[in-house]
ModelCIF file with pLDDT and N, C-alpha, C, O atoms, coordinates in Angstrom:
data_MODEL
#
_entry.id   MODEL 
#
_entity.id                         1 
_entity.type                       polymer 
_entity.pdbx_number_of_molecules   1 
#
_entity_poly.entity_id                      1 
_entity_poly.type                           'polypeptide(L)' 
_entity_poly.nstd_linkage                   no 
_entity_poly.nstd_monomer                   no 
_entity_poly.pdbx_seq_one_letter_code       CYDCVPDADAPAVAICRNCGAALCEQHALSAP 
_entity_poly.pdbx_seq_one_letter_code_can   CYDCVPDADAPAVAICRNCGAALCEQHALSAP 
_entity_poly.pdbx_strand_id                 A 
#
loop_
_entity_poly_seq.entity_id 
_entity_poly_seq.num 
_entity_poly_seq.mon_id 
_entity_poly_seq.hetero 
1 1  CYS n 
1 2  TYR n 
1 3  ASP n 
1 4  CYS n 
1 5  VAL n 
1 6  PRO n 
1 7  ASP n 
1 8  ALA n 
1 9  ASP n 
1 10 ALA n 
1 11 PRO n 
1 12 ALA n 
1 13 VAL n 
1 14 ALA n 
1 15 ILE n 
1 16 CYS n 
1 17 ARG n 
1 18 ASN n 
1 19 CYS n 
1 20 GLY n 
1 21 ALA n 
1 22 ALA n 
1 23 LEU n 
1 24 CYS n 
1 25 GLU n 
1 26 GLN n 
1 27 HIS n 
1 28 ALA n 
1 29 LEU n 
1 30 SER n 
1 31 ALA n 
1 32 PRO n 
#
_struct_asym.id          A 
_struct_asym.entity_id   1 
#
loop_
_ma_qa_metric.id 
_ma_qa_metric.mode 
_ma_qa_metric.name 
_ma_qa_metric.software_group_id 
_ma_qa_metric.type 
1 global pLDDT . pLDDT 
2 local  pLDDT . pLDDT 
#
_ma_qa_metric_global.metric_id      1 
_ma_qa_metric_global.metric_value   88.12 
_ma_qa_metric_global.model_id       1 
_ma_qa_metric_global.ordinal_id     1 
#
loop_
_ma_qa_metric_local.label_asym_id 
_ma_qa_metric_local.label_comp_id 
_ma_qa_metric_local.label_seq_id 
_ma_qa_metric_local.metric_id 
_ma_qa_metric_local.metric_value 
_ma_qa_metric_local.model_id 
_ma_qa_metric_local.ordinal_id 
A CYS 1  2 90.00 1 1  
A TYR 2  2 89.00 1 2  
A ASP 3  2 87.00 1 3  
A CYS 4  2 86.00 1 4  
A VAL 5  2 76.00 1 5  
A PRO 6  2 74.00 1 6  
A ASP 7  2 74.00 1 7  
A ALA 8  2 80.00 1 8  
A ASP 9  2 84.00 1 9  
A ALA 10 2 89.00 1 10 
A PRO 11 2 91.00 1 11 
A ALA 12 2 92.00 1 12 
A VAL 13 2 94.00 1 13 
A ALA 14 2 93.00 1 14 
A ILE 15 2 94.00 1 15 
A CYS 16 2 93.00 1 16 
A ARG 17 2 89.00 1 17 
A ASN 18 2 89.00 1 18 
A CYS 19 2 92.00 1 19 
A GLY 20 2 93.00 1 20 
A ALA 21 2 92.00 1 21 
A ALA 22 2 93.00 1 22 
A LEU 23 2 93.00 1 23 
A CYS 24 2 92.00 1 24 
A GLU 25 2 90.00 1 25 
A GLN 26 2 89.00 1 26 
A HIS 27 2 90.00 1 27 
A ALA 28 2 92.00 1 28 
A LEU 29 2 89.00 1 29 
A SER 30 2 87.00 1 30 
A ALA 31 2 82.00 1 31 
A PRO 32 2 82.00 1 32 
#
loop_
_atom_site.group_PDB 
_atom_site.id 
_atom_site.type_symbol 
_atom_site.label_atom_id 
_atom_site.label_alt_id 
_atom_site.label_comp_id 
_atom_site.label_asym_id 
_atom_site.label_entity_id 
_atom_site.label_seq_id 
_atom_site.pdbx_PDB_ins_code 
_atom_site.Cartn_x 
_atom_site.Cartn_y 
_atom_site.Cartn_z 
_atom_site.occupancy 
_atom_site.B_iso_or_equiv 
_atom_site.pdbx_formal_charge 
_atom_site.auth_seq_id 
_atom_site.auth_comp_id 
_atom_site.auth_asym_id 
_atom_site.auth_atom_id 
_atom_site.pdbx_PDB_model_num 
ATOM 1   N N  . CYS A 1 1  ? 0.626   -1.179 -0.165  1.00 90.00 ? 1  CYS A N  1 
ATOM 2   C CA . CYS A 1 1  ? 0.243   -0.148 0.294   1.00 90.00 ? 1  CYS A CA 1 
ATOM 3   C C  . CYS A 1 1  ? 0.756   1.320  0.181   1.00 90.00 ? 1  CYS A C  1 
ATOM 4   O O  . CYS A 1 1  ? 1.418   1.601  1.180   1.00 90.00 ? 1  CYS A O  1 
ATOM 5   N N  . TYR A 1 2  ? 0.651   2.535  -0.874  1.00 89.00 ? 2  TYR A N  1 
ATOM 6   C CA . TYR A 1 2  ? 1.491   3.489  -0.510  1.00 89.00 ? 2  TYR A CA 1 
ATOM 7   C C  . TYR A 1 2  ? 0.815   4.605  0.241   1.00 89.00 ? 2  TYR A C  1 
ATOM 8   O O  . TYR A 1 2  ? 1.341   5.716  0.178   1.00 89.00 ? 2  TYR A O  1 
ATOM 9   N N  . ASP A 1 3  ? -0.206  4.459  0.893   1.00 87.00 ? 3  ASP A N  1 
ATOM 10  C CA . ASP A 1 3  ? -0.860  5.351  1.716   1.00 87.00 ? 3  ASP A CA 1 
ATOM 11  C C  . ASP A 1 3  ? -0.238  4.665  3.501   1.00 87.00 ? 3  ASP A C  1 
ATOM 12  O O  . ASP A 1 3  ? -0.379  5.519  4.377   1.00 87.00 ? 3  ASP A O  1 
ATOM 13  N N  . CYS A 1 4  ? 0.273   3.531  3.923   1.00 86.00 ? 4  CYS A N  1 
ATOM 14  C CA . CYS A 1 4  ? 0.793   2.704  4.791   1.00 86.00 ? 4  CYS A CA 1 
ATOM 15  C C  . CYS A 1 4  ? 2.118   3.170  5.013   1.00 86.00 ? 4  CYS A C  1 
ATOM 16  O O  . CYS A 1 4  ? 2.921   3.575  4.172   1.00 86.00 ? 4  CYS A O  1 
ATOM 17  N N  . VAL A 1 5  ? 2.272   3.049  6.432   1.00 76.00 ? 5  VAL A N  1 
ATOM 18  C CA . VAL A 1 5  ? 4.039   3.693  6.961   1.00 76.00 ? 5  VAL A CA 1 
ATOM 19  C C  . VAL A 1 5  ? 5.024   2.640  5.671   1.00 76.00 ? 5  VAL A C  1 
ATOM 20  O O  . VAL A 1 5  ? 4.828   1.522  5.197   1.00 76.00 ? 5  VAL A O  1 
ATOM 21  N N  . PRO A 1 6  ? 5.715   3.313  5.544   1.00 74.00 ? 6  PRO A N  1 
ATOM 22  C CA . PRO A 1 6  ? 7.017   2.589  4.650   1.00 74.00 ? 6  PRO A CA 1 
ATOM 23  C C  . PRO A 1 6  ? 7.864   1.534  5.066   1.00 74.00 ? 6  PRO A C  1 
ATOM 24  O O  . PRO A 1 6  ? 8.655   0.905  4.363   1.00 74.00 ? 6  PRO A O  1 
ATOM 25  N N  . ASP A 1 7  ? 7.512   1.334  6.854   1.00 74.00 ? 7  ASP A N  1 
ATOM 26  C CA . ASP A 1 7  ? 8.141   -0.063 7.017   1.00 74.00 ? 7  ASP A CA 1 
ATOM 27  C C  . ASP A 1 7  ? 7.346   -0.866 7.403   1.00 74.00 ? 7  ASP A C  1 
ATOM 28  O O  . ASP A 1 7  ? 7.763   -1.840 8.029   1.00 74.00 ? 7  ASP A O  1 
ATOM 29  N N  . ALA A 1 8  ? 5.709   -0.682 7.105   1.00 80.00 ? 8  ALA A N  1 
ATOM 30  C CA . ALA A 1 8  ? 4.745   -1.329 7.049   1.00 80.00 ? 8  ALA A CA 1 
ATOM 31  C C  . ALA A 1 8  ? 4.667   -2.588 5.865   1.00 80.00 ? 8  ALA A C  1 
ATOM 32  O O  . ALA A 1 8  ? 5.218   -2.155 4.853   1.00 80.00 ? 8  ALA A O  1 
ATOM 33  N N  . ASP A 1 9  ? 4.190   -3.945 5.657   1.00 84.00 ? 9  ASP A N  1 
ATOM 34  C CA . ASP A 1 9  ? 4.352   -5.157 4.978   1.00 84.00 ? 9  ASP A CA 1 
ATOM 35  C C  . ASP A 1 9  ? 2.905   -5.070 4.394   1.00 84.00 ? 9  ASP A C  1 
ATOM 36  O O  . ASP A 1 9  ? 2.393   -6.174 4.203   1.00 84.00 ? 9  ASP A O  1 
ATOM 37  N N  . ALA A 1 10 ? 2.005   -3.791 4.013   1.00 89.00 ? 10 ALA A N  1 
ATOM 38  C CA . ALA A 1 10 ? 0.523   -3.738 4.039   1.00 89.00 ? 10 ALA A CA 1 
ATOM 39  C C  . ALA A 1 10 ? 0.155   -4.300 2.203   1.00 89.00 ? 10 ALA A C  1 
ATOM 40  O O  . ALA A 1 10 ? -0.210  -3.593 1.264   1.00 89.00 ? 10 ALA A O  1 
ATOM 41  N N  . PRO A 1 11 ? 0.396   -5.616 2.230   1.00 91.00 ? 11 PRO A N  1 
ATOM 42  C CA . PRO A 1 11 ? -0.172  -5.623 0.539   1.00 91.00 ? 11 PRO A CA 1 
ATOM 43  C C  . PRO A 1 11 ? -1.896  -5.113 0.064   1.00 91.00 ? 11 PRO A C  1 
ATOM 44  O O  . PRO A 1 11 ? -2.998  -5.005 0.602   1.00 91.00 ? 11 PRO A O  1 
ATOM 45  N N  . ALA A 1 12 ? -1.420  -4.958 -0.951  1.00 92.00 ? 12 ALA A N  1 
ATOM 46  C CA . ALA A 1 12 ? -2.126  -3.891 -1.754  1.00 92.00 ? 12 ALA A CA 1 
ATOM 47  C C  . ALA A 1 12 ? -3.688  -4.679 -2.620  1.00 92.00 ? 12 ALA A C  1 
ATOM 48  O O  . ALA A 1 12 ? -3.585  -5.730 -3.253  1.00 92.00 ? 12 ALA A O  1 
ATOM 49  N N  . VAL A 1 13 ? -4.767  -4.072 -2.497  1.00 94.00 ? 13 VAL A N  1 
ATOM 50  C CA . VAL A 1 13 ? -5.842  -5.358 -2.737  1.00 94.00 ? 13 VAL A CA 1 
ATOM 51  C C  . VAL A 1 13 ? -6.820  -4.519 -3.560  1.00 94.00 ? 13 VAL A C  1 
ATOM 52  O O  . VAL A 1 13 ? -7.906  -5.025 -3.845  1.00 94.00 ? 13 VAL A O  1 
ATOM 53  N N  . ALA A 1 14 ? -6.437  -2.886 -4.097  1.00 93.00 ? 14 ALA A N  1 
ATOM 54  C CA . ALA A 1 14 ? -6.872  -2.504 -5.195  1.00 93.00 ? 14 ALA A CA 1 
ATOM 55  C C  . ALA A 1 14 ? -6.068  -1.317 -5.459  1.00 93.00 ? 14 ALA A C  1 
ATOM 56  O O  . ALA A 1 14 ? -5.202  -0.898 -4.691  1.00 93.00 ? 14 ALA A O  1 
ATOM 57  N N  . ILE A 1 15 ? -6.516  -0.578 -7.032  1.00 94.00 ? 15 ILE A N  1 
ATOM 58  C CA . ILE A 1 15 ? -5.358  0.271  -7.529  1.00 94.00 ? 15 ILE A CA 1 
ATOM 59  C C  . ILE A 1 15 ? -6.820  1.569  -7.276  1.00 94.00 ? 15 ILE A C  1 
ATOM 60  O O  . ILE A 1 15 ? -8.045  1.489  -7.183  1.00 94.00 ? 15 ILE A O  1 
ATOM 61  N N  . CYS A 1 16 ? -5.935  2.526  -7.251  1.00 93.00 ? 16 CYS A N  1 
ATOM 62  C CA . CYS A 1 16 ? -7.094  4.160  -7.057  1.00 93.00 ? 16 CYS A CA 1 
ATOM 63  C C  . CYS A 1 16 ? -7.310  4.408  -8.377  1.00 93.00 ? 16 CYS A C  1 
ATOM 64  O O  . CYS A 1 16 ? -6.336  4.517  -9.121  1.00 93.00 ? 16 CYS A O  1 
ATOM 65  N N  . ARG A 1 17 ? -8.385  4.513  -8.783  1.00 89.00 ? 17 ARG A N  1 
ATOM 66  C CA . ARG A 1 17 ? -8.751  4.790  -10.349 1.00 89.00 ? 17 ARG A CA 1 
ATOM 67  C C  . ARG A 1 17 ? -8.369  5.987  -10.483 1.00 89.00 ? 17 ARG A C  1 
ATOM 68  O O  . ARG A 1 17 ? -8.631  6.171  -11.671 1.00 89.00 ? 17 ARG A O  1 
ATOM 69  N N  . ASN A 1 18 ? -7.913  6.984  -10.089 1.00 89.00 ? 18 ASN A N  1 
ATOM 70  C CA . ASN A 1 18 ? -7.329  8.183  -10.538 1.00 89.00 ? 18 ASN A CA 1 
ATOM 71  C C  . ASN A 1 18 ? -6.029  8.730  -10.463 1.00 89.00 ? 18 ASN A C  1 
ATOM 72  O O  . ASN A 1 18 ? -5.604  9.488  -11.335 1.00 89.00 ? 18 ASN A O  1 
ATOM 73  N N  . CYS A 1 19 ? -5.286  8.348  -9.346  1.00 92.00 ? 19 CYS A N  1 
ATOM 74  C CA . CYS A 1 19 ? -3.833  8.061  -9.002  1.00 92.00 ? 19 CYS A CA 1 
ATOM 75  C C  . CYS A 1 19 ? -2.927  7.252  -9.568  1.00 92.00 ? 19 CYS A C  1 
ATOM 76  O O  . CYS A 1 19 ? -1.791  7.463  -9.993  1.00 92.00 ? 19 CYS A O  1 
ATOM 77  N N  . GLY A 1 20 ? -3.671  6.191  -9.503  1.00 93.00 ? 20 GLY A N  1 
ATOM 78  C CA . GLY A 1 20 ? -3.038  4.790  -10.078 1.00 93.00 ? 20 GLY A CA 1 
ATOM 79  C C  . GLY A 1 20 ? -2.340  4.029  -8.856  1.00 93.00 ? 20 GLY A C  1 
ATOM 80  O O  . GLY A 1 20 ? -1.968  2.856  -8.876  1.00 93.00 ? 20 GLY A O  1 
ATOM 81  N N  . ALA A 1 21 ? -2.241  4.878  -7.844  1.00 92.00 ? 21 ALA A N  1 
ATOM 82  C CA . ALA A 1 21 ? -1.679  4.386  -6.130  1.00 92.00 ? 21 ALA A CA 1 
ATOM 83  C C  . ALA A 1 21 ? -2.496  2.959  -5.879  1.00 92.00 ? 21 ALA A C  1 
ATOM 84  O O  . ALA A 1 21 ? -3.665  2.587  -5.970  1.00 92.00 ? 21 ALA A O  1 
ATOM 85  N N  . ALA A 1 22 ? -1.423  2.466  -5.571  1.00 93.00 ? 22 ALA A N  1 
ATOM 86  C CA . ALA A 1 22 ? -1.724  0.608  -4.618  1.00 93.00 ? 22 ALA A CA 1 
ATOM 87  C C  . ALA A 1 22 ? -2.201  1.273  -3.347  1.00 93.00 ? 22 ALA A C  1 
ATOM 88  O O  . ALA A 1 22 ? -1.663  2.254  -2.834  1.00 93.00 ? 22 ALA A O  1 
ATOM 89  N N  . LEU A 1 23 ? -3.362  0.582  -2.853  1.00 93.00 ? 23 LEU A N  1 
ATOM 90  C CA . LEU A 1 23 ? -4.186  0.692  -1.798  1.00 93.00 ? 23 LEU A CA 1 
ATOM 91  C C  . LEU A 1 23 ? -4.440  -0.630 -1.171  1.00 93.00 ? 23 LEU A C  1 
ATOM 92  O O  . LEU A 1 23 ? -4.755  -1.513 -1.968  1.00 93.00 ? 23 LEU A O  1 
ATOM 93  N N  . CYS A 1 24 ? -4.355  -1.051 0.432   1.00 92.00 ? 24 CYS A N  1 
ATOM 94  C CA . CYS A 1 24 ? -4.326  -1.781 1.250   1.00 92.00 ? 24 CYS A CA 1 
ATOM 95  C C  . CYS A 1 24 ? -6.117  -2.260 1.646   1.00 92.00 ? 24 CYS A C  1 
ATOM 96  O O  . CYS A 1 24 ? -6.791  -1.567 0.885   1.00 92.00 ? 24 CYS A O  1 
ATOM 97  N N  . GLU A 1 25 ? -6.693  -2.794 2.169   1.00 90.00 ? 25 GLU A N  1 
ATOM 98  C CA . GLU A 1 25 ? -7.861  -3.231 2.528   1.00 90.00 ? 25 GLU A CA 1 
ATOM 99  C C  . GLU A 1 25 ? -8.326  -1.579 3.418   1.00 90.00 ? 25 GLU A C  1 
ATOM 100 O O  . GLU A 1 25 ? -9.283  -1.051 2.852   1.00 90.00 ? 25 GLU A O  1 
ATOM 101 N N  . GLN A 1 26 ? -7.944  -0.990 4.310   1.00 89.00 ? 26 GLN A N  1 
ATOM 102 C CA . GLN A 1 26 ? -7.867  0.286  4.904   1.00 89.00 ? 26 GLN A CA 1 
ATOM 103 C C  . GLN A 1 26 ? -8.176  1.570  4.006   1.00 89.00 ? 26 GLN A C  1 
ATOM 104 O O  . GLN A 1 26 ? -8.953  2.520  4.107   1.00 89.00 ? 26 GLN A O  1 
ATOM 105 N N  . HIS A 1 27 ? -7.248  1.180  3.115   1.00 90.00 ? 27 HIS A N  1 
ATOM 106 C CA . HIS A 1 27 ? -7.488  2.695  2.753   1.00 90.00 ? 27 HIS A CA 1 
ATOM 107 C C  . HIS A 1 27 ? -8.195  2.932  1.071   1.00 90.00 ? 27 HIS A C  1 
ATOM 108 O O  . HIS A 1 27 ? -8.458  3.958  0.444   1.00 90.00 ? 27 HIS A O  1 
ATOM 109 N N  . ALA A 1 28 ? -8.341  1.417  0.725   1.00 92.00 ? 28 ALA A N  1 
ATOM 110 C CA . ALA A 1 28 ? -9.365  1.780  -0.432  1.00 92.00 ? 28 ALA A CA 1 
ATOM 111 C C  . ALA A 1 28 ? -10.905 1.780  -0.266  1.00 92.00 ? 28 ALA A C  1 
ATOM 112 O O  . ALA A 1 28 ? -11.686 0.938  0.176   1.00 92.00 ? 28 ALA A O  1 
ATOM 113 N N  . LEU A 1 29 ? -11.059 2.989  -0.765  1.00 89.00 ? 29 LEU A N  1 
ATOM 114 C CA . LEU A 1 29 ? -12.984 3.799  -0.219  1.00 89.00 ? 29 LEU A CA 1 
ATOM 115 C C  . LEU A 1 29 ? -13.500 3.146  -1.936  1.00 89.00 ? 29 LEU A C  1 
ATOM 116 O O  . LEU A 1 29 ? -12.852 2.783  -2.918  1.00 89.00 ? 29 LEU A O  1 
ATOM 117 N N  . SER A 1 30 ? -14.856 3.236  -1.654  1.00 87.00 ? 30 SER A N  1 
ATOM 118 C CA . SER A 1 30 ? -15.243 2.773  -2.891  1.00 87.00 ? 30 SER A CA 1 
ATOM 119 C C  . SER A 1 30 ? -16.500 4.047  -3.421  1.00 87.00 ? 30 SER A C  1 
ATOM 120 O O  . SER A 1 30 ? -17.492 4.084  -2.692  1.00 87.00 ? 30 SER A O  1 
ATOM 121 N N  . ALA A 1 31 ? -16.492 4.536  -4.009  1.00 82.00 ? 31 ALA A N  1 
ATOM 122 C CA . ALA A 1 31 ? -17.343 5.763  -4.450  1.00 82.00 ? 31 ALA A CA 1 
ATOM 123 C C  . ALA A 1 31 ? -18.154 5.586  -5.367  1.00 82.00 ? 31 ALA A C  1 
ATOM 124 O O  . ALA A 1 31 ? -17.781 4.975  -6.368  1.00 82.00 ? 31 ALA A O  1 
ATOM 125 N N  . PRO A 1 32 ? -19.492 6.080  -5.265  1.00 82.00 ? 32 PRO A N  1 
ATOM 126 C CA . PRO A 1 32 ? -20.784 6.063  -6.671  1.00 82.00 ? 32 PRO A CA 1 
ATOM 127 C C  . PRO A 1 32 ? -19.955 6.440  -7.708  1.00 82.00 ? 32 PRO A C  1 
ATOM 128 O O  . PRO A 1 32 ? -20.406 6.556  -8.847  1.00 82.00 ? 32 PRO A O  1 
#
């Protein structure tokens, strides 16, 4: 995940549709 602390190993589960950042389960938000 791009938004997690660099020392943490949080696997990405999604990619932001706007900027392309990899996101973990906590940082991935669903928008209508």
